[in-house]
PDB file of N, CA and C in Angstrom:
ATOM      1  N   MET A   1      28.722  44.289 -68.766  1.00  0.00           N
ATOM      2  CA  MET A   1      27.337  44.174 -69.193  1.00  0.00           C
ATOM      3  C   MET A   1      26.442  44.497 -67.993  1.00  0.00           C
ATOM      4  N   ARG A   2      25.423  45.269 -68.212  1.00  0.00           N
ATOM      5  CA  ARG A   2      24.506  45.667 -67.139  1.00  0.00           C
ATOM      6  C   ARG A   2      23.512  44.552 -66.837  1.00  0.00           C
ATOM      7  N   VAL A   3      23.116  44.475 -65.582  1.00  0.00           N
ATOM      8  CA  VAL A   3      22.110  43.523 -65.126  1.00  0.00           C
ATOM      9  C   VAL A   3      20.856  44.307 -64.763  1.00  0.00           C
ATOM     10  N   PHE A   4      19.745  43.958 -65.380  1.00  0.00           N
ATOM     11  CA  PHE A   4      18.451  44.557 -65.069  1.00  0.00           C
ATOM     12  C   PHE A   4      17.597  43.517 -64.364  1.00  0.00           C
ATOM     13  N   VAL A   5      16.933  43.933 -63.307  1.00  0.00           N
ATOM     14  CA  VAL A   5      16.086  43.040 -62.527  1.00  0.00           C
ATOM     15  C   VAL A   5      14.635  43.474 -62.709  1.00  0.00           C
ATOM     16  N   LEU A   6      13.812  42.569 -63.219  1.00  0.00           N
ATOM     17  CA  LEU A   6      12.395  42.880 -63.390  1.00  0.00           C
ATOM     18  C   LEU A   6      11.728  43.065 -62.036  1.00  0.00           C
ATOM     19  N   SER A   7      10.693  43.862 -62.013  1.00  0.00           N
ATOM     20  CA  SER A   7      10.016  44.177 -60.753  1.00  0.00           C
ATOM     21  C   SER A   7       9.474  42.924 -60.062  1.00  0.00           C
ATOM     22  N   CYS A   8       9.029  41.929 -60.820  1.00  0.00           N
ATOM     23  CA  CYS A   8       8.526  40.703 -60.199  1.00  0.00           C
ATOM     24  C   CYS A   8       9.644  39.984 -59.440  1.00  0.00           C
ATOM     25  N   ALA A   9      10.861  40.012 -59.965  1.00  0.00           N
ATOM     26  CA  ALA A   9      12.000  39.399 -59.283  1.00  0.00           C
ATOM     27  C   ALA A   9      12.412  40.233 -58.073  1.00  0.00           C
ATOM     28  N   GLU A  10      12.341  41.546 -58.193  1.00  0.00           N
ATOM     29  CA  GLU A  10      12.649  42.415 -57.046  1.00  0.00           C
ATOM     30  C   GLU A  10      11.678  42.157 -55.904  1.00  0.00           C
ATOM     31  N   ASP A  11      10.408  41.957 -56.232  1.00  0.00           N
ATOM     32  CA  ASP A  11       9.399  41.681 -55.204  1.00  0.00           C
ATOM     33  C   ASP A  11       9.697  40.366 -54.489  1.00  0.00           C
ATOM     34  N   GLU A  12      10.032  39.320 -55.269  1.00  0.00           N
ATOM     35  CA  GLU A  12      10.395  38.028 -54.676  1.00  0.00           C
ATOM     36  C   GLU A  12      11.601  38.186 -53.753  1.00  0.00           C
ATOM     37  N   PHE A  13      12.588  38.905 -54.242  1.00  0.00           N
ATOM     38  CA  PHE A  13      13.818  39.129 -53.497  1.00  0.00           C
ATOM     39  C   PHE A  13      13.523  39.812 -52.159  1.00  0.00           C
ATOM     40  N   ALA A  14      12.739  40.877 -52.186  1.00  0.00           N
ATOM     41  CA  ALA A  14      12.412  41.615 -50.957  1.00  0.00           C
ATOM     42  C   ALA A  14      11.665  40.728 -49.958  1.00  0.00           C
ATOM     43  N   GLU A  15      10.755  39.900 -50.444  1.00  0.00           N
ATOM     44  CA  GLU A  15      10.015  38.994 -49.572  1.00  0.00           C
ATOM     45  C   GLU A  15      10.951  38.004 -48.878  1.00  0.00           C
ATOM     46  N   VAL A  16      11.913  37.487 -49.627  1.00  0.00           N
ATOM     47  CA  VAL A  16      12.845  36.508 -49.059  1.00  0.00           C
ATOM     48  C   VAL A  16      13.769  37.173 -48.046  1.00  0.00           C
ATOM     49  N   VAL A  17      14.249  38.369 -48.354  1.00  0.00           N
ATOM     50  CA  VAL A  17      15.094  39.096 -47.402  1.00  0.00           C
ATOM     51  C   VAL A  17      14.330  39.309 -46.095  1.00  0.00           C
ATOM     52  N   ASP A  18      13.087  39.750 -46.195  1.00  0.00           N
ATOM     53  CA  ASP A  18      12.272  39.961 -44.996  1.00  0.00           C
ATOM     54  C   ASP A  18      12.062  38.658 -44.223  1.00  0.00           C
ATOM     55  N   TYR A  19      11.762  37.595 -44.948  1.00  0.00           N
ATOM     56  CA  TYR A  19      11.539  36.296 -44.299  1.00  0.00           C
ATOM     57  C   TYR A  19      12.780  35.847 -43.534  1.00  0.00           C
ATOM     58  N   TYR A  20      13.933  35.887 -44.194  1.00  0.00           N
ATOM     59  CA  TYR A  20      15.165  35.449 -43.525  1.00  0.00           C
ATOM     60  C   TYR A  20      15.515  36.351 -42.337  1.00  0.00           C
ATOM     61  N   ASN A  21      15.281  37.642 -42.450  1.00  0.00           N
ATOM     62  CA  ASN A  21      15.556  38.536 -41.320  1.00  0.00           C
ATOM     63  C   ASN A  21      14.627  38.254 -40.139  1.00  0.00           C
ATOM     64  N   GLU A  22      13.411  37.783 -40.418  1.00  0.00           N
ATOM     65  CA  GLU A  22      12.500  37.388 -39.338  1.00  0.00           C
ATOM     66  C   GLU A  22      12.978  36.104 -38.663  1.00  0.00           C
ATOM     67  N   GLN A  23      13.584  35.222 -39.446  1.00  0.00           N
ATOM     68  CA  GLN A  23      14.068  33.961 -38.891  1.00  0.00           C
ATOM     69  C   GLN A  23      15.274  34.173 -37.985  1.00  0.00           C
ATOM     70  N   ARG A  24      16.174  35.051 -38.435  1.00  0.00           N
ATOM     71  CA  ARG A  24      17.360  35.400 -37.656  1.00  0.00           C
ATOM     72  C   ARG A  24      17.830  36.780 -38.097  1.00  0.00           C
ATOM     73  N   PRO A  25      17.911  37.729 -37.184  1.00  0.00           N
ATOM     74  CA  PRO A  25      18.332  39.074 -37.566  1.00  0.00           C
ATOM     75  C   PRO A  25      19.660  39.052 -38.343  1.00  0.00           C
ATOM     76  N   GLY A  26      19.647  39.702 -39.490  1.00  0.00           N
ATOM     77  CA  GLY A  26      20.835  39.788 -40.332  1.00  0.00           C
ATOM     78  C   GLY A  26      20.929  38.714 -41.409  1.00  0.00           C
ATOM     79  N   LEU A  27      20.183  37.622 -41.252  1.00  0.00           N
ATOM     80  CA  LEU A  27      20.263  36.541 -42.238  1.00  0.00           C
ATOM     81  C   LEU A  27      19.758  36.993 -43.604  1.00  0.00           C
ATOM     82  N   GLY A  28      18.730  37.826 -43.611  1.00  0.00           N
ATOM     83  CA  GLY A  28      18.220  38.343 -44.886  1.00  0.00           C
ATOM     84  C   GLY A  28      19.250  39.178 -45.608  1.00  0.00           C
ATOM     85  N   PHE A  29      20.043  39.927 -44.849  1.00  0.00           N
ATOM     86  CA  PHE A  29      21.092  40.737 -45.472  1.00  0.00           C
ATOM     87  C   PHE A  29      22.210  39.857 -46.009  1.00  0.00           C
ATOM     88  N   GLU A  30      22.455  38.731 -45.337  1.00  0.00           N
ATOM     89  CA  GLU A  30      23.425  37.764 -45.856  1.00  0.00           C
ATOM     90  C   GLU A  30      22.912  37.169 -47.173  1.00  0.00           C
ATOM     91  N   PHE A  31      21.614  36.871 -47.209  1.00  0.00           N
ATOM     92  CA  PHE A  31      21.006  36.381 -48.454  1.00  0.00           C
ATOM     93  C   PHE A  31      21.154  37.421 -49.558  1.00  0.00           C
ATOM     94  N   ALA A  32      20.897  38.685 -49.232  1.00  0.00           N
ATOM     95  CA  ALA A  32      21.008  39.755 -50.226  1.00  0.00           C
ATOM     96  C   ALA A  32      22.429  39.823 -50.783  1.00  0.00           C
ATOM     97  N   GLY A  33      23.416  39.705 -49.923  1.00  0.00           N
ATOM     98  CA  GLY A  33      24.803  39.703 -50.380  1.00  0.00           C
ATOM     99  C   GLY A  33      25.100  38.530 -51.287  1.00  0.00           C
ATOM    100  N   GLU A  34      24.549  37.372 -50.956  1.00  0.00           N
ATOM    101  CA  GLU A  34      24.745  36.179 -51.791  1.00  0.00           C
ATOM    102  C   GLU A  34      24.127  36.381 -53.175  1.00  0.00           C
ATOM    103  N   VAL A  35      22.952  36.973 -53.227  1.00  0.00           N
ATOM    104  CA  VAL A  35      22.306  37.227 -54.522  1.00  0.00           C
ATOM    105  C   VAL A  35      23.130  38.235 -55.330  1.00  0.00           C
ATOM    106  N   GLN A  36      23.658  39.256 -54.678  1.00  0.00           N
ATOM    107  CA  GLN A  36      24.500  40.233 -55.379  1.00  0.00           C
ATOM    108  C   GLN A  36      25.741  39.557 -55.955  1.00  0.00           C
ATOM    109  N   ARG A  37      26.353  38.640 -55.206  1.00  0.00           N
ATOM    110  CA  ARG A  37      27.519  37.902 -55.715  1.00  0.00           C
ATOM    111  C   ARG A  37      27.124  37.013 -56.894  1.00  0.00           C
ATOM    112  N   THR A  38      25.925  36.453 -56.832  1.00  0.00           N
ATOM    113  CA  THR A  38      25.428  35.641 -57.947  1.00  0.00           C
ATOM    114  C   THR A  38      25.240  36.504 -59.189  1.00  0.00           C
ATOM    115  N   PHE A  39      24.686  37.708 -59.020  1.00  0.00           N
ATOM    116  CA  PHE A  39      24.550  38.640 -60.138  1.00  0.00           C
ATOM    117  C   PHE A  39      25.921  38.948 -60.751  1.00  0.00           C
ATOM    118  N   GLU A  40      26.918  39.132 -59.904  1.00  0.00           N
ATOM    119  CA  GLU A  40      28.272  39.426 -60.397  1.00  0.00           C
ATOM    120  C   GLU A  40      28.819  38.259 -61.214  1.00  0.00           C
ATOM    121  N   ARG A  41      28.621  37.035 -60.720  1.00  0.00           N
ATOM    122  CA  ARG A  41      29.085  35.857 -61.477  1.00  0.00           C
ATOM    123  C   ARG A  41      28.400  35.801 -62.829  1.00  0.00           C
ATOM    124  N   ILE A  42      27.105  36.063 -62.843  1.00  0.00           N
ATOM    125  CA  ILE A  42      26.358  36.055 -64.109  1.00  0.00           C
ATOM    126  C   ILE A  42      26.881  37.157 -65.026  1.00  0.00           C
ATOM    127  N   ARG A  43      27.096  38.340 -64.469  1.00  0.00           N
ATOM    128  CA  ARG A  43      27.558  39.476 -65.275  1.00  0.00           C
ATOM    129  C   ARG A  43      28.900  39.190 -65.921  1.00  0.00           C
ATOM    130  N   HIS A  44      29.799  38.555 -65.201  1.00  0.00           N
ATOM    131  CA  HIS A  44      31.137  38.276 -65.734  1.00  0.00           C
ATOM    132  C   HIS A  44      31.174  37.068 -66.667  1.00  0.00           C
ATOM    133  N   HIS A  45      30.253  36.121 -66.468  1.00  0.00           N
ATOM    134  CA  HIS A  45      30.238  34.887 -67.273  1.00  0.00           C
ATOM    135  C   HIS A  45      28.794  34.519 -67.633  1.00  0.00           C
ATOM    136  N   PRO A  46      28.126  35.330 -68.428  1.00  0.00           N
ATOM    137  CA  PRO A  46      26.682  35.131 -68.659  1.00  0.00           C
ATOM    138  C   PRO A  46      26.312  33.811 -69.332  1.00  0.00           C
ATOM    139  N   GLU A  47      27.218  33.238 -70.091  1.00  0.00           N
ATOM    140  CA  GLU A  47      26.899  31.992 -70.807  1.00  0.00           C
ATOM    141  C   GLU A  47      27.338  30.752 -70.031  1.00  0.00           C
ATOM    142  N   ALA A  48      27.859  30.917 -68.819  1.00  0.00           N
ATOM    143  CA  ALA A  48      28.443  29.800 -68.078  1.00  0.00           C
ATOM    144  C   ALA A  48      27.413  28.813 -67.529  1.00  0.00           C
ATOM    145  N   TRP A  49      26.196  29.254 -67.280  1.00  0.00           N
ATOM    146  CA  TRP A  49      25.207  28.382 -66.654  1.00  0.00           C
ATOM    147  C   TRP A  49      24.284  27.784 -67.689  1.00  0.00           C
ATOM    148  N   PRO A  50      23.750  26.607 -67.390  1.00  0.00           N
ATOM    149  CA  PRO A  50      22.971  25.886 -68.400  1.00  0.00           C
ATOM    150  C   PRO A  50      21.669  26.582 -68.767  1.00  0.00           C
ATOM    151  N   VAL A  51      21.252  26.293 -69.969  1.00  0.00           N
ATOM    152  CA  VAL A  51      19.967  26.791 -70.456  1.00  0.00           C
ATOM    153  C   VAL A  51      18.888  26.048 -69.681  1.00  0.00           C
ATOM    154  N   PHE A  52      17.984  26.822 -69.091  1.00  0.00           N
ATOM    155  CA  PHE A  52      16.897  26.261 -68.291  1.00  0.00           C
ATOM    156  C   PHE A  52      15.662  26.032 -69.154  1.00  0.00           C
ATOM    157  N   SER A  53      15.458  26.927 -70.100  1.00  0.00           N
ATOM    158  CA  SER A  53      14.354  26.819 -71.045  1.00  0.00           C
ATOM    159  C   SER A  53      14.798  27.531 -72.314  1.00  0.00           C
ATOM    160  N   CYS A  54      13.933  27.560 -73.295  1.00  0.00           N
ATOM    161  CA  CYS A  54      14.304  28.251 -74.531  1.00  0.00           C
ATOM    162  C   CYS A  54      14.471  29.751 -74.310  1.00  0.00           C
ATOM    163  N   ARG A  55      13.967  30.259 -73.176  1.00  0.00           N
ATOM    164  CA  ARG A  55      14.027  31.690 -72.907  1.00  0.00           C
ATOM    165  C   ARG A  55      15.012  32.092 -71.811  1.00  0.00           C
ATOM    166  N   ALA A  56      15.515  31.141 -71.025  1.00  0.00           N
ATOM    167  CA  ALA A  56      16.279  31.566 -69.851  1.00  0.00           C
ATOM    168  C   ALA A  56      17.359  30.564 -69.446  1.00  0.00           C
ATOM    169  N   ARG A  57      18.311  31.079 -68.664  1.00  0.00           N
ATOM    170  CA  ARG A  57      19.336  30.282 -68.004  1.00  0.00           C
ATOM    171  C   ARG A  57      19.094  30.368 -66.506  1.00  0.00           C
ATOM    172  N   ARG A  58      19.715  29.441 -65.759  1.00  0.00           N
ATOM    173  CA  ARG A  58      19.559  29.463 -64.304  1.00  0.00           C
ATOM    174  C   ARG A  58      20.925  29.321 -63.644  1.00  0.00           C
ATOM    175  N   CYS A  59      21.225  30.241 -62.737  1.00  0.00           N
ATOM    176  CA  CYS A  59      22.443  30.209 -61.939  1.00  0.00           C
ATOM    177  C   CYS A  59      22.039  30.031 -60.485  1.00  0.00           C
ATOM    178  N   LEU A  60      22.629  29.055 -59.819  1.00  0.00           N
ATOM    179  CA  LEU A  60      22.304  28.789 -58.424  1.00  0.00           C
ATOM    180  C   LEU A  60      23.159  29.637 -57.499  1.00  0.00           C
ATOM    181  N   THR A  61      22.556  30.054 -56.395  1.00  0.00           N
ATOM    182  CA  THR A  61      23.343  30.736 -55.365  1.00  0.00           C
ATOM    183  C   THR A  61      24.198  29.690 -54.669  1.00  0.00           C
ATOM    184  N   ASP A  62      25.281  30.127 -54.035  1.00  0.00           N
ATOM    185  CA  ASP A  62      26.179  29.178 -53.379  1.00  0.00           C
ATOM    186  C   ASP A  62      25.664  28.715 -52.022  1.00  0.00           C
ATOM    187  N   ARG A  63      25.182  29.633 -51.220  1.00  0.00           N
ATOM    188  CA  ARG A  63      24.869  29.321 -49.825  1.00  0.00           C
ATOM    189  C   ARG A  63      23.395  29.026 -49.554  1.00  0.00           C
ATOM    190  N   PHE A  64      22.515  29.649 -50.285  1.00  0.00           N
ATOM    191  CA  PHE A  64      21.081  29.505 -50.061  1.00  0.00           C
ATOM    192  C   PHE A  64      20.472  28.675 -51.186  1.00  0.00           C
ATOM    193  N   PRO A  65      19.347  27.990 -50.922  1.00  0.00           N
ATOM    194  CA  PRO A  65      18.738  27.133 -51.948  1.00  0.00           C
ATOM    195  C   PRO A  65      17.870  27.921 -52.937  1.00  0.00           C
ATOM    196  N   PHE A  66      18.519  28.812 -53.675  1.00  0.00           N
ATOM    197  CA  PHE A  66      17.816  29.660 -54.632  1.00  0.00           C
ATOM    198  C   PHE A  66      18.531  29.648 -55.972  1.00  0.00           C
ATOM    199  N   GLY A  67      17.763  29.920 -57.000  1.00  0.00           N
ATOM    200  CA  GLY A  67      18.309  30.074 -58.335  1.00  0.00           C
ATOM    201  C   GLY A  67      17.873  31.398 -58.924  1.00  0.00           C
ATOM    202  N   VAL A  68      18.711  31.942 -59.776  1.00  0.00           N
ATOM    203  CA  VAL A  68      18.415  33.186 -60.483  1.00  0.00           C
ATOM    204  C   VAL A  68      18.144  32.822 -61.939  1.00  0.00           C
ATOM    205  N   LEU A  69      16.933  33.115 -62.393  1.00  0.00           N
ATOM    206  CA  LEU A  69      16.581  32.913 -63.798  1.00  0.00           C
ATOM    207  C   LEU A  69      16.861  34.196 -64.558  1.00  0.00           C
ATOM    208  N   TYR A  70      17.568  34.078 -65.666  1.00  0.00           N
ATOM    209  CA  TYR A  70      17.941  35.273 -66.410  1.00  0.00           C
ATOM    210  C   TYR A  70      18.035  34.981 -67.906  1.00  0.00           C
ATOM    211  N   GLN A  71      17.995  36.055 -68.665  1.00  0.00           N
ATOM    212  CA  GLN A  71      18.186  36.021 -70.116  1.00  0.00           C
ATOM    213  C   GLN A  71      19.375  36.884 -70.469  1.00  0.00           C
ATOM    214  N   VAL A  72      20.153  36.414 -71.419  1.00  0.00           N
ATOM    215  CA  VAL A  72      21.236  37.223 -71.955  1.00  0.00           C
ATOM    216  C   VAL A  72      20.690  37.911 -73.198  1.00  0.00           C
ATOM    217  N   ARG A  73      20.681  39.217 -73.152  1.00  0.00           N
ATOM    218  CA  ARG A  73      20.231  40.018 -74.290  1.00  0.00           C
ATOM    219  C   ARG A  73      21.455  40.600 -74.987  1.00  0.00           C
ATOM    220  N   ASN A  74      21.259  41.295 -76.090  1.00  0.00           N
ATOM    221  CA  ASN A  74      22.380  41.886 -76.821  1.00  0.00           C
ATOM    222  C   ASN A  74      23.192  42.848 -75.966  1.00  0.00           C
ATOM    223  N   ASP A  75      22.508  43.660 -75.178  1.00  0.00           N
ATOM    224  CA  ASP A  75      23.189  44.723 -74.454  1.00  0.00           C
ATOM    225  C   ASP A  75      23.066  44.630 -72.936  1.00  0.00           C
ATOM    226  N   CYS A  76      22.418  43.568 -72.425  1.00  0.00           N
ATOM    227  CA  CYS A  76      22.223  43.469 -70.980  1.00  0.00           C
ATOM    228  C   CYS A  76      21.860  42.046 -70.586  1.00  0.00           C
ATOM    229  N   ILE A  77      21.781  41.856 -69.283  1.00  0.00           N
ATOM    230  CA  ILE A  77      21.283  40.612 -68.703  1.00  0.00           C
ATOM    231  C   ILE A  77      19.996  40.976 -67.980  1.00  0.00           C
ATOM    232  N   LEU A  78      18.955  40.208 -68.216  1.00  0.00           N
ATOM    233  CA  LEU A  78      17.643  40.480 -67.656  1.00  0.00           C
ATOM    234  C   LEU A  78      17.282  39.380 -66.663  1.00  0.00           C
ATOM    235  N   VAL A  79      17.141  39.742 -65.381  1.00  0.00           N
ATOM    236  CA  VAL A  79      16.781  38.788 -64.332  1.00  0.00           C
ATOM    237  C   VAL A  79      15.268  38.780 -64.185  1.00  0.00           C
ATOM    238  N   GLY A  80      14.680  37.593 -64.325  1.00  0.00           N
ATOM    239  CA  GLY A  80      13.236  37.481 -64.260  1.00  0.00           C
ATOM    240  C   GLY A  80      12.712  36.830 -63.001  1.00  0.00           C
ATOM    241  N   ALA A  81      13.586  36.126 -62.259  1.00  0.00           N
ATOM    242  CA  ALA A  81      13.120  35.456 -61.041  1.00  0.00           C
ATOM    243  C   ALA A  81      14.293  35.116 -60.140  1.00  0.00           C
ATOM    244  N   ILE A  82      14.014  35.163 -58.851  1.00  0.00           N
ATOM    245  CA  ILE A  82      14.927  34.675 -57.817  1.00  0.00           C
ATOM    246  C   ILE A  82      14.068  33.728 -57.000  1.00  0.00           C
ATOM    247  N   MET A  83      14.201  32.424 -57.263  1.00  0.00           N
ATOM    248  CA  MET A  83      13.238  31.466 -56.730  1.00  0.00           C
ATOM    249  C   MET A  83      13.885  30.360 -55.919  1.00  0.00           C
ATOM    250  N   HIS A  84      13.148  29.898 -54.918  1.00  0.00           N
ATOM    251  CA  HIS A  84      13.577  28.781 -54.081  1.00  0.00           C
ATOM    252  C   HIS A  84      13.632  27.511 -54.930  1.00  0.00           C
ATOM    253  N   LEU A  85      14.653  26.703 -54.727  1.00  0.00           N
ATOM    254  CA  LEU A  85      14.846  25.501 -55.539  1.00  0.00           C
ATOM    255  C   LEU A  85      13.829  24.406 -55.267  1.00  0.00           C
ATOM    256  N   LYS A  86      13.139  24.482 -54.140  1.00  0.00           N
ATOM    257  CA  LYS A  86      12.134  23.459 -53.820  1.00  0.00           C
ATOM    258  C   LYS A  86      10.772  23.762 -54.415  1.00  0.00           C
ATOM    259  N   ARG A  87      10.676  24.863 -55.129  1.00  0.00           N
ATOM    260  CA  ARG A  87       9.401  25.194 -55.782  1.00  0.00           C
ATOM    261  C   ARG A  87       9.088  24.165 -56.857  1.00  0.00           C
ATOM    262  N   ASN A  88       7.841  24.011 -57.104  1.00  0.00           N
ATOM    263  CA  ASN A  88       7.375  23.115 -58.147  1.00  0.00           C
ATOM    264  C   ASN A  88       8.018  23.509 -59.483  1.00  0.00           C
ATOM    265  N   PRO A  89       8.622  22.544 -60.219  1.00  0.00           N
ATOM    266  CA  PRO A  89       9.251  22.869 -61.499  1.00  0.00           C
ATOM    267  C   PRO A  89       8.309  23.533 -62.498  1.00  0.00           C
ATOM    268  N   THR A  90       7.027  23.210 -62.414  1.00  0.00           N
ATOM    269  CA  THR A  90       6.054  23.855 -63.289  1.00  0.00           C
ATOM    270  C   THR A  90       5.989  25.348 -62.999  1.00  0.00           C
ATOM    271  N   ARG A  91       6.102  25.703 -61.726  1.00  0.00           N
ATOM    272  CA  ARG A  91       6.073  27.109 -61.330  1.00  0.00           C
ATOM    273  C   ARG A  91       7.291  27.850 -61.883  1.00  0.00           C
ATOM    274  N   TRP A  92       8.452  27.191 -61.908  1.00  0.00           N
ATOM    275  CA  TRP A  92       9.645  27.800 -62.500  1.00  0.00           C
ATOM    276  C   TRP A  92       9.383  28.153 -63.968  1.00  0.00           C
ATOM    277  N   ARG A  93       8.846  27.210 -64.698  1.00  0.00           N
ATOM    278  CA  ARG A  93       8.590  27.450 -66.122  1.00  0.00           C
ATOM    279  C   ARG A  93       7.544  28.553 -66.313  1.00  0.00           C
ATOM    280  N   GLN A  94       6.540  28.545 -65.454  1.00  0.00           N
ATOM    281  CA  GLN A  94       5.518  29.590 -65.514  1.00  0.00           C
ATOM    282  C   GLN A  94       6.156  30.962 -65.283  1.00  0.00           C
ATOM    283  N   ARG A  95       7.071  31.048 -64.314  1.00  0.00           N
ATOM    284  CA  ARG A  95       7.740  32.319 -64.019  1.00  0.00           C
ATOM    285  C   ARG A  95       8.588  32.780 -65.190  1.00  0.00           C
ATOM    286  N   VAL A  96       9.224  31.858 -65.903  1.00  0.00           N
ATOM    287  CA  VAL A  96       9.995  32.230 -67.087  1.00  0.00           C
ATOM    288  C   VAL A  96       9.071  32.884 -68.094  1.00  0.00           C
ATOM    289  N   ASN A  97       7.929  32.277 -68.331  1.00  0.00           N
ATOM    290  CA  ASN A  97       6.978  32.836 -69.292  1.00  0.00           C
ATOM    291  C   ASN A  97       6.441  34.186 -68.837  1.00  0.00           C
ATOM    292  N   GLU A  98       6.131  34.294 -67.547  1.00  0.00           N
ATOM    293  CA  GLU A  98       5.631  35.568 -67.027  1.00  0.00           C
ATOM    294  C   GLU A  98       6.699  36.656 -67.116  1.00  0.00           C
ATOM    295  N   ALA A  99       7.887  36.322 -66.691  1.00  0.00           N
ATOM    296  CA  ALA A  99       8.958  37.316 -66.607  1.00  0.00           C
ATOM    297  C   ALA A  99       9.459  37.761 -67.965  1.00  0.00           C
ATOM    298  N   PHE A 100       9.674  36.823 -68.851  1.00  0.00           N
ATOM    299  CA  PHE A 100      10.315  37.167 -70.108  1.00  0.00           C
ATOM    300  C   PHE A 100       9.343  37.343 -71.259  1.00  0.00           C
ATOM    301  N   GLY A 101       8.071  37.109 -70.993  1.00  0.00           N
ATOM    302  CA  GLY A 101       7.073  37.365 -72.017  1.00  0.00           C
ATOM    303  C   GLY A 101       6.810  38.851 -72.190  1.00  0.00           C
ATOM    304  N   LYS A 102       6.979  39.612 -71.092  1.00  0.00           N
ATOM    305  CA  LYS A 102       6.721  41.055 -71.096  1.00  0.00           C
ATOM    306  C   LYS A 102       7.866  41.765 -70.385  1.00  0.00           C
ATOM    307  N   PRO A 103       8.927  42.141 -71.099  1.00  0.00           N
ATOM    308  CA  PRO A 103      10.089  42.763 -70.454  1.00  0.00           C
ATOM    309  C   PRO A 103       9.899  44.237 -70.119  1.00  0.00           C
ATOM    310  N   ASN A 104       9.025  44.524 -69.162  1.00  0.00           N
ATOM    311  CA  ASN A 104       8.879  45.908 -68.707  1.00  0.00           C
ATOM    312  C   ASN A 104       8.902  45.924 -67.184  1.00  0.00           C
ATOM    313  N   GLY A 105       8.966  47.086 -66.606  1.00  0.00           N
ATOM    314  CA  GLY A 105       9.044  47.183 -65.162  1.00  0.00           C
ATOM    315  C   GLY A 105      10.352  46.644 -64.619  1.00  0.00           C
ATOM    316  N   ARG A 106      11.465  47.138 -65.106  1.00  0.00           N
ATOM    317  CA  ARG A 106      12.741  46.627 -64.676  1.00  0.00           C
ATOM    318  C   ARG A 106      13.601  47.711 -64.069  1.00  0.00           C
ATOM    319  N   SER A 107      14.504  47.301 -63.212  1.00  0.00           N
ATOM    320  CA  SER A 107      15.488  48.220 -62.633  1.00  0.00           C
ATOM    321  C   SER A 107      16.860  47.651 -62.931  1.00  0.00           C
ATOM    322  N   SER A 108      17.892  48.389 -62.577  1.00  0.00           N
ATOM    323  CA  SER A 108      19.224  47.915 -62.944  1.00  0.00           C
ATOM    324  C   SER A 108      20.080  47.605 -61.741  1.00  0.00           C
ATOM    325  N   PHE A 109      21.012  46.716 -61.946  1.00  0.00           N
ATOM    326  CA  PHE A 109      22.078  46.406 -61.011  1.00  0.00           C
ATOM    327  C   PHE A 109      23.356  46.539 -61.806  1.00  0.00           C
ATOM    328  N   ASN A 110      24.233  47.426 -61.391  1.00  0.00           N
ATOM    329  CA  ASN A 110      25.461  47.666 -62.152  1.00  0.00           C
ATOM    330  C   ASN A 110      26.678  47.009 -61.558  1.00  0.00           C
ATOM    331  N   GLY A 111      26.587  46.512 -60.345  1.00  0.00           N
ATOM    332  CA  GLY A 111      27.710  45.814 -59.720  1.00  0.00           C
ATOM    333  C   GLY A 111      28.834  46.659 -59.314  1.00  0.00           C
TER     334      GLY A 111
END
């Protein structure tokens, strides 16, 4: 099953990679690898993680304090957010509505 990443999630991802690389050279690339492994886990077992809202599921990364919000569609998995776990829970729900209310501006990850 293909994984599509919405542009809003790609933007969040790029910001975090840059931030971690500023903190320690190479750390952002380690984060990127962790997110890619998380995408692979989701792709292979899309129903394995709990329902976060009526529109999305959330899979946590192993090493970094982030979660991937996604929807399982008929023919793909749609990633709407890659967010820090310490964010306000209201913001998580808002991002679900923003991301999955308008499924356009997406790119793909094929693994």
